[in-house]
PDB file of N, CA and C in Angstrom:
ATOM      1  N   MET A   1      45.409 179.682-125.155  1.00  0.00           N
ATOM      2  CA  MET A   1      46.393 178.672-125.420  1.00  0.00           C
ATOM      3  C   MET A   1      45.835 177.511-126.239  1.00  0.00           C
ATOM      4  N   PHE A   2      44.511 177.511-126.444  1.00  0.00           N
ATOM      5  CA  PHE A   2      43.870 176.437-127.193  1.00  0.00           C
ATOM      6  C   PHE A   2      43.178 177.010-128.425  1.00  0.00           C
ATOM      7  N   SER A   3      43.232 176.275-129.504  1.00  0.00           N
ATOM      8  CA  SER A   3      42.527 176.688-130.720  1.00  0.00           C
ATOM      9  C   SER A   3      41.029 176.441-130.539  1.00  0.00           C
ATOM     10  N   ARG A   4      40.242 177.040-131.399  1.00  0.00           N
ATOM     11  CA  ARG A   4      38.788 176.800-131.383  1.00  0.00           C
ATOM     12  C   ARG A   4      38.521 175.311-131.561  1.00  0.00           C
ATOM     13  N   GLY A   5      39.342 174.655-132.400  1.00  0.00           N
ATOM     14  CA  GLY A   5      39.185 173.218-132.623  1.00  0.00           C
ATOM     15  C   GLY A   5      39.415 172.406-131.359  1.00  0.00           C
ATOM     16  N   ALA A   6      40.411 172.792-130.567  1.00  0.00           N
ATOM     17  CA  ALA A   6      40.687 172.078-129.317  1.00  0.00           C
ATOM     18  C   ALA A   6      39.544 172.283-128.322  1.00  0.00           C
ATOM     19  N   ILE A   7      39.015 173.489-128.265  1.00  0.00           N
ATOM     20  CA  ILE A   7      37.893 173.766-127.357  1.00  0.00           C
ATOM     21  C   ILE A   7      36.659 172.976-127.796  1.00  0.00           C
ATOM     22  N   ASP A   8      36.390 172.967-129.093  1.00  0.00           N
ATOM     23  CA  ASP A   8      35.263 172.177-129.607  1.00  0.00           C
ATOM     24  C   ASP A   8      35.452 170.699-129.302  1.00  0.00           C
ATOM     25  N   ALA A   9      36.687 170.203-129.476  1.00  0.00           N
ATOM     26  CA  ALA A   9      36.983 168.794-129.185  1.00  0.00           C
ATOM     27  C   ALA A   9      36.744 168.486-127.714  1.00  0.00           C
ATOM     28  N   PHE A  10      37.158 169.399-126.822  1.00  0.00           N
ATOM     29  CA  PHE A  10      36.959 169.191-125.394  1.00  0.00           C
ATOM     30  C   PHE A  10      35.471 169.029-125.072  1.00  0.00           C
ATOM     31  N   PHE A  11      34.630 169.897-125.643  1.00  0.00           N
ATOM     32  CA  PHE A  11      33.205 169.851-125.327  1.00  0.00           C
ATOM     33  C   PHE A  11      32.438 168.775-126.089  1.00  0.00           C
ATOM     34  N   SER A  12      33.025 168.166-127.090  1.00  0.00           N
ATOM     35  CA  SER A  12      32.303 167.131-127.842  1.00  0.00           C
ATOM     36  C   SER A  12      32.803 165.721-127.537  1.00  0.00           C
ATOM     37  N   SER A  13      33.847 165.602-126.735  1.00  0.00           N
ATOM     38  CA  SER A  13      34.443 164.292-126.457  1.00  0.00           C
ATOM     39  C   SER A  13      33.986 163.731-125.123  1.00  0.00           C
ATOM     40  N   ARG A  14      34.044 162.411-125.044  1.00  0.00           N
ATOM     41  CA  ARG A  14      33.847 161.718-123.766  1.00  0.00           C
ATOM     42  C   ARG A  14      35.220 161.370-123.234  1.00  0.00           C
ATOM     43  N   TYR A  15      35.387 161.536-121.936  1.00  0.00           N
ATOM     44  CA  TYR A  15      36.647 161.226-121.282  1.00  0.00           C
ATOM     45  C   TYR A  15      36.418 160.139-120.243  1.00  0.00           C
ATOM     46  N   THR A  16      37.409 159.277-120.081  1.00  0.00           N
ATOM     47  CA  THR A  16      37.358 158.192-119.102  1.00  0.00           C
ATOM     48  C   THR A  16      38.220 158.564-117.906  1.00  0.00           C
ATOM     49  N   VAL A  17      37.665 158.362-116.709  1.00  0.00           N
ATOM     50  CA  VAL A  17      38.419 158.595-115.478  1.00  0.00           C
ATOM     51  C   VAL A  17      39.439 157.464-115.354  1.00  0.00           C
ATOM     52  N   THR A  18      40.714 157.826-115.210  1.00  0.00           N
ATOM     53  CA  THR A  18      41.762 156.809-115.146  1.00  0.00           C
ATOM     54  C   THR A  18      42.003 156.354-113.712  1.00  0.00           C
ATOM     55  N   PRO A  19      42.657 155.207-113.535  1.00  0.00           N
ATOM     56  CA  PRO A  19      43.000 154.739-112.182  1.00  0.00           C
ATOM     57  C   PRO A  19      43.989 155.661-111.464  1.00  0.00           C
ATOM     58  N   ARG A  20      44.632 156.562-112.163  1.00  0.00           N
ATOM     59  CA  ARG A  20      45.581 157.503-111.546  1.00  0.00           C
ATOM     60  C   ARG A  20      44.861 158.706-110.932  1.00  0.00           C
ATOM     61  N   SER A  21      43.585 158.596-110.687  1.00  0.00           N
ATOM     62  CA  SER A  21      42.781 159.686-110.130  1.00  0.00           C
ATOM     63  C   SER A  21      42.714 159.565-108.616  1.00  0.00           C
ATOM     64  N   ASP A  22      42.644 160.719-107.950  1.00  0.00           N
ATOM     65  CA  ASP A  22      42.530 160.734-106.499  1.00  0.00           C
ATOM     66  C   ASP A  22      41.870 162.046-106.061  1.00  0.00           C
ATOM     67  N   ARG A  23      41.904 162.324-104.756  1.00  0.00           N
ATOM     68  CA  ARG A  23      41.245 163.531-104.241  1.00  0.00           C
ATOM     69  C   ARG A  23      41.931 164.815-104.677  1.00  0.00           C
ATOM     70  N   MET A  24      43.135 164.716-105.207  1.00  0.00           N
ATOM     71  CA  MET A  24      43.818 165.912-105.729  1.00  0.00           C
ATOM     72  C   MET A  24      43.341 166.217-107.144  1.00  0.00           C
ATOM     73  N   GLY A  25      43.152 165.196-107.939  1.00  0.00           N
ATOM     74  CA  GLY A  25      42.733 165.427-109.317  1.00  0.00           C
ATOM     75  C   GLY A  25      42.295 164.156-110.012  1.00  0.00           C
ATOM     76  N   TYR A  26      41.330 164.299-110.883  1.00  0.00           N
ATOM     77  CA  TYR A  26      40.875 163.185-111.714  1.00  0.00           C
ATOM     78  C   TYR A  26      41.580 163.311-113.058  1.00  0.00           C
ATOM     79  N   ARG A  27      42.434 162.343-113.338  1.00  0.00           N
ATOM     80  CA  ARG A  27      43.114 162.306-114.634  1.00  0.00           C
ATOM     81  C   ARG A  27      42.180 161.630-115.620  1.00  0.00           C
ATOM     82  N   LEU A  28      42.001 162.280-116.750  1.00  0.00           N
ATOM     83  CA  LEU A  28      41.079 161.787-117.765  1.00  0.00           C
ATOM     84  C   LEU A  28      41.849 161.309-118.986  1.00  0.00           C
ATOM     85  N   ARG A  29      41.249 160.351-119.691  1.00  0.00           N
ATOM     86  CA  ARG A  29      41.829 159.852-120.936  1.00  0.00           C
ATOM     87  C   ARG A  29      40.771 159.994-122.033  1.00  0.00           C
ATOM     88  N   GLY A  30      41.182 160.549-123.139  1.00  0.00           N
ATOM     89  CA  GLY A  30      40.272 160.749-124.260  1.00  0.00           C
ATOM     90  C   GLY A  30      41.003 161.454-125.376  1.00  0.00           C
ATOM     91  N   GLU A  31      40.256 162.192-126.181  1.00  0.00           N
ATOM     92  CA  GLU A  31      40.888 162.912-127.279  1.00  0.00           C
ATOM     93  C   GLU A  31      41.955 163.856-126.741  1.00  0.00           C
ATOM     94  N   ARG A  32      43.116 163.776-127.337  1.00  0.00           N
ATOM     95  CA  ARG A  32      44.240 164.626-126.929  1.00  0.00           C
ATOM     96  C   ARG A  32      43.962 166.067-127.364  1.00  0.00           C
ATOM     97  N   LEU A  33      44.053 166.983-126.426  1.00  0.00           N
ATOM     98  CA  LEU A  33      43.826 168.396-126.727  1.00  0.00           C
ATOM     99  C   LEU A  33      45.138 169.032-127.147  1.00  0.00           C
ATOM    100  N   ARG A  34      45.098 169.756-128.228  1.00  0.00           N
ATOM    101  CA  ARG A  34      46.314 170.350-128.785  1.00  0.00           C
ATOM    102  C   ARG A  34      46.391 171.835-128.430  1.00  0.00           C
ATOM    103  N   PHE A  35      47.599 172.266-128.172  1.00  0.00           N
ATOM    104  CA  PHE A  35      47.866 173.647-127.813  1.00  0.00           C
ATOM    105  C   PHE A  35      48.188 174.469-129.052  1.00  0.00           C
ATOM    106  N   GLU A  36      47.948 175.769-128.959  1.00  0.00           N
ATOM    107  CA  GLU A  36      48.370 176.677-130.014  1.00  0.00           C
ATOM    108  C   GLU A  36      49.771 177.202-129.770  1.00  0.00           C
ATOM    109  N   GLY A  37      50.202 177.212-128.548  1.00  0.00           N
ATOM    110  CA  GLY A  37      51.513 177.765-128.222  1.00  0.00           C
ATOM    111  C   GLY A  37      52.205 176.908-127.197  1.00  0.00           C
ATOM    112  N   GLU A  38      52.773 177.565-126.196  1.00  0.00           N
ATOM    113  CA  GLU A  38      53.478 176.870-125.121  1.00  0.00           C
ATOM    114  C   GLU A  38      52.521 175.950-124.363  1.00  0.00           C
ATOM    115  N   THR A  39      53.069 174.878-123.820  1.00  0.00           N
ATOM    116  CA  THR A  39      52.239 173.934-123.076  1.00  0.00           C
ATOM    117  C   THR A  39      52.243 174.195-121.581  1.00  0.00           C
ATOM    118  N   GLU A  40      53.164 175.004-121.110  1.00  0.00           N
ATOM    119  CA  GLU A  40      53.210 175.317-119.690  1.00  0.00           C
ATOM    120  C   GLU A  40      53.187 176.832-119.501  1.00  0.00           C
ATOM    121  N   ILE A  41      52.665 177.240-118.363  1.00  0.00           N
ATOM    122  CA  ILE A  41      52.571 178.660-118.041  1.00  0.00           C
ATOM    123  C   ILE A  41      53.217 178.886-116.683  1.00  0.00           C
ATOM    124  N   LEU A  42      53.408 180.122-116.323  1.00  0.00           N
ATOM    125  CA  LEU A  42      53.850 180.428-114.963  1.00  0.00           C
ATOM    126  C   LEU A  42      52.771 179.957-114.002  1.00  0.00           C
ATOM    127  N   SER A  43      53.172 179.488-112.847  1.00  0.00           N
ATOM    128  CA  SER A  43      52.187 179.033-111.868  1.00  0.00           C
ATOM    129  C   SER A  43      51.218 180.163-111.536  1.00  0.00           C
ATOM    130  N   GLU A  44      49.968 179.794-111.402  1.00  0.00           N
ATOM    131  CA  GLU A  44      48.935 180.744-111.007  1.00  0.00           C
ATOM    132  C   GLU A  44      47.930 180.013-110.134  1.00  0.00           C
ATOM    133  N   GLY A  45      47.073 180.744-109.468  1.00  0.00           N
ATOM    134  CA  GLY A  45      46.101 180.145-108.568  1.00  0.00           C
ATOM    135  C   GLY A  45      45.142 179.215-109.292  1.00  0.00           C
ATOM    136  N   VAL A  46      44.788 178.132-108.634  1.00  0.00           N
ATOM    137  CA  VAL A  46      43.788 177.195-109.146  1.00  0.00           C
ATOM    138  C   VAL A  46      42.815 176.877-108.027  1.00  0.00           C
ATOM    139  N   THR A  47      41.704 176.319-108.401  1.00  0.00           N
ATOM    140  CA  THR A  47      40.691 175.959-107.424  1.00  0.00           C
ATOM    141  C   THR A  47      40.049 174.643-107.842  1.00  0.00           C
ATOM    142  N   GLU A  48      39.342 174.030-106.917  1.00  0.00           N
ATOM    143  CA  GLU A  48      38.601 172.810-107.207  1.00  0.00           C
ATOM    144  C   GLU A  48      37.697 173.056-108.419  1.00  0.00           C
ATOM    145  N   GLY A  49      37.729 172.119-109.348  1.00  0.00           N
ATOM    146  CA  GLY A  49      36.921 172.242-110.555  1.00  0.00           C
ATOM    147  C   GLY A  49      37.695 172.752-111.744  1.00  0.00           C
ATOM    148  N   SER A  50      38.865 173.371-111.508  1.00  0.00           N
ATOM    149  CA  SER A  50      39.696 173.801-112.639  1.00  0.00           C
ATOM    150  C   SER A  50      40.069 172.578-113.465  1.00  0.00           C
ATOM    151  N   ILE A  51      40.064 172.744-114.766  1.00  0.00           N
ATOM    152  CA  ILE A  51      40.427 171.635-115.653  1.00  0.00           C
ATOM    153  C   ILE A  51      41.704 172.036-116.369  1.00  0.00           C
ATOM    154  N   GLN A  52      42.796 171.437-115.902  1.00  0.00           N
ATOM    155  CA  GLN A  52      44.107 171.727-116.455  1.00  0.00           C
ATOM    156  C   GLN A  52      44.447 170.738-117.562  1.00  0.00           C
ATOM    157  N   VAL A  53      45.296 171.177-118.472  1.00  0.00           N
ATOM    158  CA  VAL A  53      45.758 170.308-119.551  1.00  0.00           C
ATOM    159  C   VAL A  53      47.281 170.329-119.571  1.00  0.00           C
ATOM    160  N   PRO A  54      47.914 169.228-119.122  1.00  0.00           N
ATOM    161  CA  PRO A  54      49.373 169.147-119.170  1.00  0.00           C
ATOM    162  C   PRO A  54      49.854 168.910-120.604  1.00  0.00           C
ATOM    163  N   PRO A  55      51.163 168.898-120.818  1.00  0.00           N
ATOM    164  CA  PRO A  55      51.695 168.740-122.184  1.00  0.00           C
ATOM    165  C   PRO A  55      51.203 167.503-122.938  1.00  0.00           C
ATOM    166  N   ASP A  56      50.788 166.437-122.220  1.00  0.00           N
ATOM    167  CA  ASP A  56      50.309 165.238-122.924  1.00  0.00           C
ATOM    168  C   ASP A  56      48.910 165.420-123.527  1.00  0.00           C
ATOM    169  N   GLY A  57      48.251 166.552-123.250  1.00  0.00           N
ATOM    170  CA  GLY A  57      46.950 166.849-123.851  1.00  0.00           C
ATOM    171  C   GLY A  57      45.771 166.153-123.206  1.00  0.00           C
ATOM    172  N   GLN A  58      45.991 165.447-122.085  1.00  0.00           N
ATOM    173  CA  GLN A  58      44.911 164.739-121.394  1.00  0.00           C
ATOM    174  C   GLN A  58      44.478 165.552-120.166  1.00  0.00           C
ATOM    175  N   PRO A  59      43.208 165.965-120.099  1.00  0.00           N
ATOM    176  CA  PRO A  59      42.752 166.858-119.024  1.00  0.00           C
ATOM    177  C   PRO A  59      42.850 166.244-117.622  1.00  0.00           C
ATOM    178  N   ILE A  60      43.018 167.124-116.653  1.00  0.00           N
ATOM    179  CA  ILE A  60      42.985 166.768-115.236  1.00  0.00           C
ATOM    180  C   ILE A  60      41.985 167.706-114.574  1.00  0.00           C
ATOM    181  N   VAL A  61      40.963 167.141-113.930  1.00  0.00           N
ATOM    182  CA  VAL A  61      39.995 167.948-113.181  1.00  0.00           C
ATOM    183  C   VAL A  61      40.487 168.016-111.743  1.00  0.00           C
ATOM    184  N   LEU A  62      40.743 169.222-111.245  1.00  0.00           N
ATOM    185  CA  LEU A  62      41.222 169.373-109.880  1.00  0.00           C
ATOM    186  C   LEU A  62      40.077 169.142-108.898  1.00  0.00           C
ATOM    187  N   MET A  63      40.371 168.351-107.875  1.00  0.00           N
ATOM    188  CA  MET A  63      39.368 167.923-106.911  1.00  0.00           C
ATOM    189  C   MET A  63      39.617 168.602-105.551  1.00  0.00           C
ATOM    190  N   PRO A  64      38.874 168.229-104.488  1.00  0.00           N
ATOM    191  CA  PRO A  64      38.925 168.966-103.216  1.00  0.00           C
ATOM    192  C   PRO A  64      40.302 169.140-102.585  1.00  0.00           C
ATOM    193  N   ASP A  65      41.199 168.188-102.747  1.00  0.00           N
ATOM    194  CA  ASP A  65      42.525 168.304-102.131  1.00  0.00           C
ATOM    195  C   ASP A  65      43.574 168.818-103.106  1.00  0.00           C
ATOM    196  N   CYS A  66      43.148 169.556-104.115  1.00  0.00           N
ATOM    197  CA  CYS A  66      44.092 170.039-105.125  1.00  0.00           C
ATOM    198  C   CYS A  66      45.068 171.052-104.544  1.00  0.00           C
ATOM    199  N   GLN A  67      46.154 171.214-105.262  1.00  0.00           N
ATOM    200  CA  GLN A  67      47.147 172.215-104.892  1.00  0.00           C
ATOM    201  C   GLN A  67      46.526 173.612-105.035  1.00  0.00           C
ATOM    202  N   THR A  68      47.221 174.626-104.558  1.00  0.00           N
ATOM    203  CA  THR A  68      46.691 175.989-104.633  1.00  0.00           C
ATOM    204  C   THR A  68      47.192 176.743-105.859  1.00  0.00           C
ATOM    205  N   THR A  69      48.268 176.262-106.464  1.00  0.00           N
ATOM    206  CA  THR A  69      48.770 176.870-107.695  1.00  0.00           C
ATOM    207  C   THR A  69      49.075 175.771-108.698  1.00  0.00           C
ATOM    208  N   GLY A  70      49.069 176.136-109.964  1.00  0.00           N
ATOM    209  CA  GLY A  70      49.376 175.174-111.003  1.00  0.00           C
ATOM    210  C   GLY A  70      49.996 175.852-112.203  1.00  0.00           C
ATOM    211  N   GLY A  71      50.772 175.097-112.945  1.00  0.00           N
ATOM    212  CA  GLY A  71      51.480 175.650-114.092  1.00  0.00           C
ATOM    213  C   GLY A  71      51.039 175.091-115.424  1.00  0.00           C
ATOM    214  N   TYR A  72      49.891 174.450-115.465  1.00  0.00           N
ATOM    215  CA  TYR A  72      49.350 173.959-116.735  1.00  0.00           C
ATOM    216  C   TYR A  72      48.214 174.876-117.191  1.00  0.00           C
ATOM    217  N   ALA A  73      48.022 174.940-118.488  1.00  0.00           N
ATOM    218  CA  ALA A  73      46.921 175.729-119.046  1.00  0.00           C
ATOM    219  C   ALA A  73      45.583 175.164-118.585  1.00  0.00           C
ATOM    220  N   LYS A  74      44.628 176.042-118.381  1.00  0.00           N
ATOM    221  CA  LYS A  74      43.282 175.622-118.001  1.00  0.00           C
ATOM    222  C   LYS A  74      42.356 175.835-119.198  1.00  0.00           C
ATOM    223  N   ILE A  75      41.632 174.778-119.552  1.00  0.00           N
ATOM    224  CA  ILE A  75      40.711 174.880-120.676  1.00  0.00           C
ATOM    225  C   ILE A  75      39.301 175.235-120.208  1.00  0.00           C
ATOM    226  N   ALA A  76      38.982 174.921-118.941  1.00  0.00           N
ATOM    227  CA  ALA A  76      37.636 175.173-118.427  1.00  0.00           C
ATOM    228  C   ALA A  76      37.650 175.032-116.911  1.00  0.00           C
ATOM    229  N   VAL A  77      36.502 175.325-116.311  1.00  0.00           N
ATOM    230  CA  VAL A  77      36.275 175.094-114.886  1.00  0.00           C
ATOM    231  C   VAL A  77      34.900 174.450-114.768  1.00  0.00           C
ATOM    232  N   ALA A  78      34.829 173.308-114.100  1.00  0.00           N
ATOM    233  CA  ALA A  78      33.542 172.650-113.870  1.00  0.00           C
ATOM    234  C   ALA A  78      32.732 173.510-112.903  1.00  0.00           C
ATOM    235  N   ILE A  79      31.440 173.672-113.165  1.00  0.00           N
ATOM    236  CA  ILE A  79      30.620 174.484-112.271  1.00  0.00           C
ATOM    237  C   ILE A  79      30.481 173.784-110.922  1.00  0.00           C
ATOM    238  N   SER A  80      30.398 174.574-109.874  1.00  0.00           N
ATOM    239  CA  SER A  80      30.400 174.028-108.514  1.00  0.00           C
ATOM    240  C   SER A  80      29.252 173.052-108.274  1.00  0.00           C
ATOM    241  N   ALA A  81      28.110 173.265-108.898  1.00  0.00           N
ATOM    242  CA  ALA A  81      26.969 172.376-108.701  1.00  0.00           C
ATOM    243  C   ALA A  81      27.241 170.968-109.232  1.00  0.00           C
ATOM    244  N   ASP A  82      28.162 170.828-110.161  1.00  0.00           N
ATOM    245  CA  ASP A  82      28.465 169.509-110.729  1.00  0.00           C
ATOM    246  C   ASP A  82      29.575 168.785-109.979  1.00  0.00           C
ATOM    247  N   LEU A  83      30.277 169.460-109.104  1.00  0.00           N
ATOM    248  CA  LEU A  83      31.413 168.838-108.420  1.00  0.00           C
ATOM    249  C   LEU A  83      31.025 167.646-107.549  1.00  0.00           C
ATOM    250  N   PRO A  84      29.898 167.668-106.809  1.00  0.00           N
ATOM    251  CA  PRO A  84      29.545 166.474-106.025  1.00  0.00           C
ATOM    252  C   PRO A  84      29.317 165.234-106.903  1.00  0.00           C
ATOM    253  N   ARG A  85      28.689 165.407-108.049  1.00  0.00           N
ATOM    254  CA  ARG A  85      28.470 164.270-108.954  1.00  0.00           C
ATOM    255  C   ARG A  85      29.780 163.810-109.568  1.00  0.00           C
ATOM    256  N   LEU A  86      30.616 164.754-109.935  1.00  0.00           N
ATOM    257  CA  LEU A  86      31.909 164.425-110.507  1.00  0.00           C
ATOM    258  C   LEU A  86      32.749 163.628-109.504  1.00  0.00           C
ATOM    259  N   ALA A  87      32.693 164.015-108.240  1.00  0.00           N
ATOM    260  CA  ALA A  87      33.480 163.355-107.203  1.00  0.00           C
ATOM    261  C   ALA A  87      33.071 161.900-106.989  1.00  0.00           C
ATOM    262  N   GLN A  88      31.894 161.527-107.434  1.00  0.00           N
ATOM    263  CA  GLN A  88      31.421 160.160-107.255  1.00  0.00           C
ATOM    264  C   GLN A  88      31.830 159.224-108.398  1.00  0.00           C
ATOM    265  N   LEU A  89      32.465 159.761-109.416  1.00  0.00           N
ATOM    266  CA  LEU A  89      32.879 158.918-110.539  1.00  0.00           C
ATOM    267  C   LEU A  89      34.049 158.028-110.144  1.00  0.00           C
ATOM    268  N   ALA A  90      33.960 156.771-110.499  1.00  0.00           N
ATOM    269  CA  ALA A  90      35.028 155.806-110.230  1.00  0.00           C
ATOM    270  C   ALA A  90      35.891 155.650-111.474  1.00  0.00           C
ATOM    271  N   PRO A  91      37.110 155.168-111.305  1.00  0.00           N
ATOM    272  CA  PRO A  91      37.934 154.882-112.488  1.00  0.00           C
ATOM    273  C   PRO A  91      37.161 154.003-113.475  1.00  0.00           C
ATOM    274  N   GLY A  92      37.271 154.354-114.741  1.00  0.00           N
ATOM    275  CA  GLY A  92      36.530 153.645-115.787  1.00  0.00           C
ATOM    276  C   GLY A  92      35.239 154.336-116.174  1.00  0.00           C
ATOM    277  N   SER A  93      34.739 155.231-115.306  1.00  0.00           N
ATOM    278  CA  SER A  93      33.530 155.998-115.633  1.00  0.00           C
ATOM    279  C   SER A  93      33.859 156.992-116.739  1.00  0.00           C
ATOM    280  N   THR A  94      32.834 157.371-117.483  1.00  0.00           N
ATOM    281  CA  THR A  94      33.045 158.375-118.518  1.00  0.00           C
ATOM    282  C   THR A  94      32.334 159.668-118.131  1.00  0.00           C
ATOM    283  N   VAL A  95      32.883 160.749-118.636  1.00  0.00           N
ATOM    284  CA  VAL A  95      32.325 162.067-118.355  1.00  0.00           C
ATOM    285  C   VAL A  95      32.411 162.900-119.626  1.00  0.00           C
ATOM    286  N   ARG A  96      31.464 163.786-119.779  1.00  0.00           N
ATOM    287  CA  ARG A  96      31.447 164.711-120.905  1.00  0.00           C
ATOM    288  C   ARG A  96      31.156 166.091-120.349  1.00  0.00           C
ATOM    289  N   PHE A  97      31.810 167.084-120.874  1.00  0.00           N
ATOM    290  CA  PHE A  97      31.641 168.460-120.400  1.00  0.00           C
ATOM    291  C   PHE A  97      30.822 169.252-121.412  1.00  0.00           C
ATOM    292  N   LEU A  98      29.934 170.077-120.891  1.00  0.00           N
ATOM    293  CA  LEU A  98      29.106 170.940-121.727  1.00  0.00           C
ATOM    294  C   LEU A  98      29.377 172.387-121.341  1.00  0.00           C
ATOM    295  N   PRO A  99      29.391 173.279-122.306  1.00  0.00           N
ATOM    296  CA  PRO A  99      29.601 174.688-121.956  1.00  0.00           C
ATOM    297  C   PRO A  99      28.399 175.242-121.192  1.00  0.00           C
ATOM    298  N   ALA A 100      28.658 176.142-120.277  1.00  0.00           N
ATOM    299  CA  ALA A 100      27.598 176.805-119.512  1.00  0.00           C
ATOM    300  C   ALA A 100      28.006 178.255-119.303  1.00  0.00           C
ATOM    301  N   ASP A 101      27.019 179.139-119.344  1.00  0.00           N
ATOM    302  CA  ASP A 101      27.334 180.527-119.041  1.00  0.00           C
ATOM    303  C   ASP A 101      27.091 180.766-117.552  1.00  0.00           C
ATOM    304  N   LEU A 102      27.401 181.953-117.099  1.00  0.00           N
ATOM    305  CA  LEU A 102      27.304 182.267-115.675  1.00  0.00           C
ATOM    306  C   LEU A 102      25.878 182.102-115.150  1.00  0.00           C
ATOM    307  N   GLU A 103      24.902 182.505-115.934  1.00  0.00           N
ATOM    308  CA  GLU A 103      23.505 182.382-115.511  1.00  0.00           C
ATOM    309  C   GLU A 103      23.118 180.915-115.311  1.00  0.00           C
ATOM    310  N   GLU A 104      23.548 180.046-116.225  1.00  0.00           N
ATOM    311  CA  GLU A 104      23.266 178.613-116.091  1.00  0.00           C
ATOM    312  C   GLU A 104      23.959 178.020-114.868  1.00  0.00           C
ATOM    313  N   ALA A 105      25.189 178.459-114.613  1.00  0.00           N
ATOM    314  CA  ALA A 105      25.930 177.965-113.447  1.00  0.00           C
ATOM    315  C   ALA A 105      25.221 178.366-112.155  1.00  0.00           C
ATOM    316  N   TRP A 106      24.771 179.611-112.066  1.00  0.00           N
ATOM    317  CA  TRP A 106      24.056 180.065-110.872  1.00  0.00           C
ATOM    318  C   TRP A 106      22.747 179.305-110.698  1.00  0.00           C
ATOM    319  N   ALA A 107      22.029 179.073-111.778  1.00  0.00           N
ATOM    320  CA  ALA A 107      20.764 178.336-111.696  1.00  0.00           C
ATOM    321  C   ALA A 107      21.006 176.915-111.197  1.00  0.00           C
ATOM    322  N   ALA A 108      22.032 176.265-111.691  1.00  0.00           N
ATOM    323  CA  ALA A 108      22.359 174.904-111.243  1.00  0.00           C
ATOM    324  C   ALA A 108      22.731 174.908-109.766  1.00  0.00           C
ATOM    325  N   SER A 109      23.450 175.917-109.328  1.00  0.00           N
ATOM    326  CA  SER A 109      23.840 176.024-107.920  1.00  0.00           C
ATOM    327  C   SER A 109      22.616 176.203-107.033  1.00  0.00           C
ATOM    328  N   ARG A 110      21.677 177.045-107.461  1.00  0.00           N
ATOM    329  CA  ARG A 110      20.450 177.244-106.682  1.00  0.00           C
ATOM    330  C   ARG A 110      19.645 175.951-106.591  1.00  0.00           C
ATOM    331  N   LEU A 111      19.545 175.214-107.694  1.00  0.00           N
ATOM    332  CA  LEU A 111      18.814 173.936-107.678  1.00  0.00           C
ATOM    333  C   LEU A 111      19.462 172.944-106.726  1.00  0.00           C
ATOM    334  N   LEU A 112      20.778 172.878-106.729  1.00  0.00           N
ATOM    335  CA  LEU A 112      21.478 171.977-105.818  1.00  0.00           C
ATOM    336  C   LEU A 112      21.210 172.371-104.368  1.00  0.00           C
ATOM    337  N   GLU A 113      21.302 173.659-104.060  1.00  0.00           N
ATOM    338  CA  GLU A 113      21.049 174.121-102.700  1.00  0.00           C
ATOM    339  C   GLU A 113      19.621 173.805-102.262  1.00  0.00           C
ATOM    340  N   GLU A 114      18.656 173.987-103.148  1.00  0.00           N
ATOM    341  CA  GLU A 114      17.252 173.686-102.826  1.00  0.00           C
ATOM    342  C   GLU A 114      17.077 172.190-102.585  1.00  0.00           C
ATOM    343  N   SER A 115      17.719 171.366-103.391  1.00  0.00           N
ATOM    344  CA  SER A 115      17.624 169.916-103.213  1.00  0.00           C
ATOM    345  C   SER A 115      18.233 169.491-101.888  1.00  0.00           C
ATOM    346  N   LEU A 116      19.363 170.064-101.540  1.00  0.00           N
ATOM    347  CA  LEU A 116      20.007 169.719-100.263  1.00  0.00           C
ATOM    348  C   LEU A 116      19.174 170.210 -99.084  1.00  0.00           C
ATOM    349  N   ALA A 117      18.553 171.368 -99.203  1.00  0.00           N
ATOM    350  CA  ALA A 117      17.730 171.913 -98.122  1.00  0.00           C
ATOM    351  C   ALA A 117      16.537 171.000 -97.820  1.00  0.00           C
ATOM    352  N   ARG A 118      15.993 170.353 -98.855  1.00  0.00           N
ATOM    353  CA  ARG A 118      14.850 169.461 -98.653  1.00  0.00           C
ATOM    354  C   ARG A 118      15.246 168.196 -97.891  1.00  0.00           C
ATOM    355  N   LEU A 119      16.540 167.866 -97.894  1.00  0.00           N
ATOM    356  CA  LEU A 119      17.004 166.674 -97.200  1.00  0.00           C
ATOM    357  C   LEU A 119      17.085 166.865 -95.695  1.00  0.00           C
ATOM    358  N   PHE A 120      17.215 168.106 -95.250  1.00  0.00           N
ATOM    359  CA  PHE A 120      17.443 168.367 -93.828  1.00  0.00           C
ATOM    360  C   PHE A 120      16.296 169.098 -93.195  1.00  0.00           C
TER     361      PHE A 120
END
């Protein structure tokens, strides 16, 4: 649903966490992401970390209390290892997303688990 240009824009832009953010989702403000086709889809399952893009082109990162289904296109999913840091961002904070493959996501998850294990 997104052009290569929109995907590149998503990964090269900084987004600001807006005051309309809560435990359901962090609404971000930044470069407007443009769709190639329809802006809405049939509802489908979503999970914490899914990054949805509503018709206004401003991403929403779904957080721990997110709904179970959603009807907006998803441009990405934040890796689980980054969710604790993301959850600590306050309105006005900026965030940037970087692409990661499955191997990088697993490595980050293992590092987080090892760091947490050392605490207890």
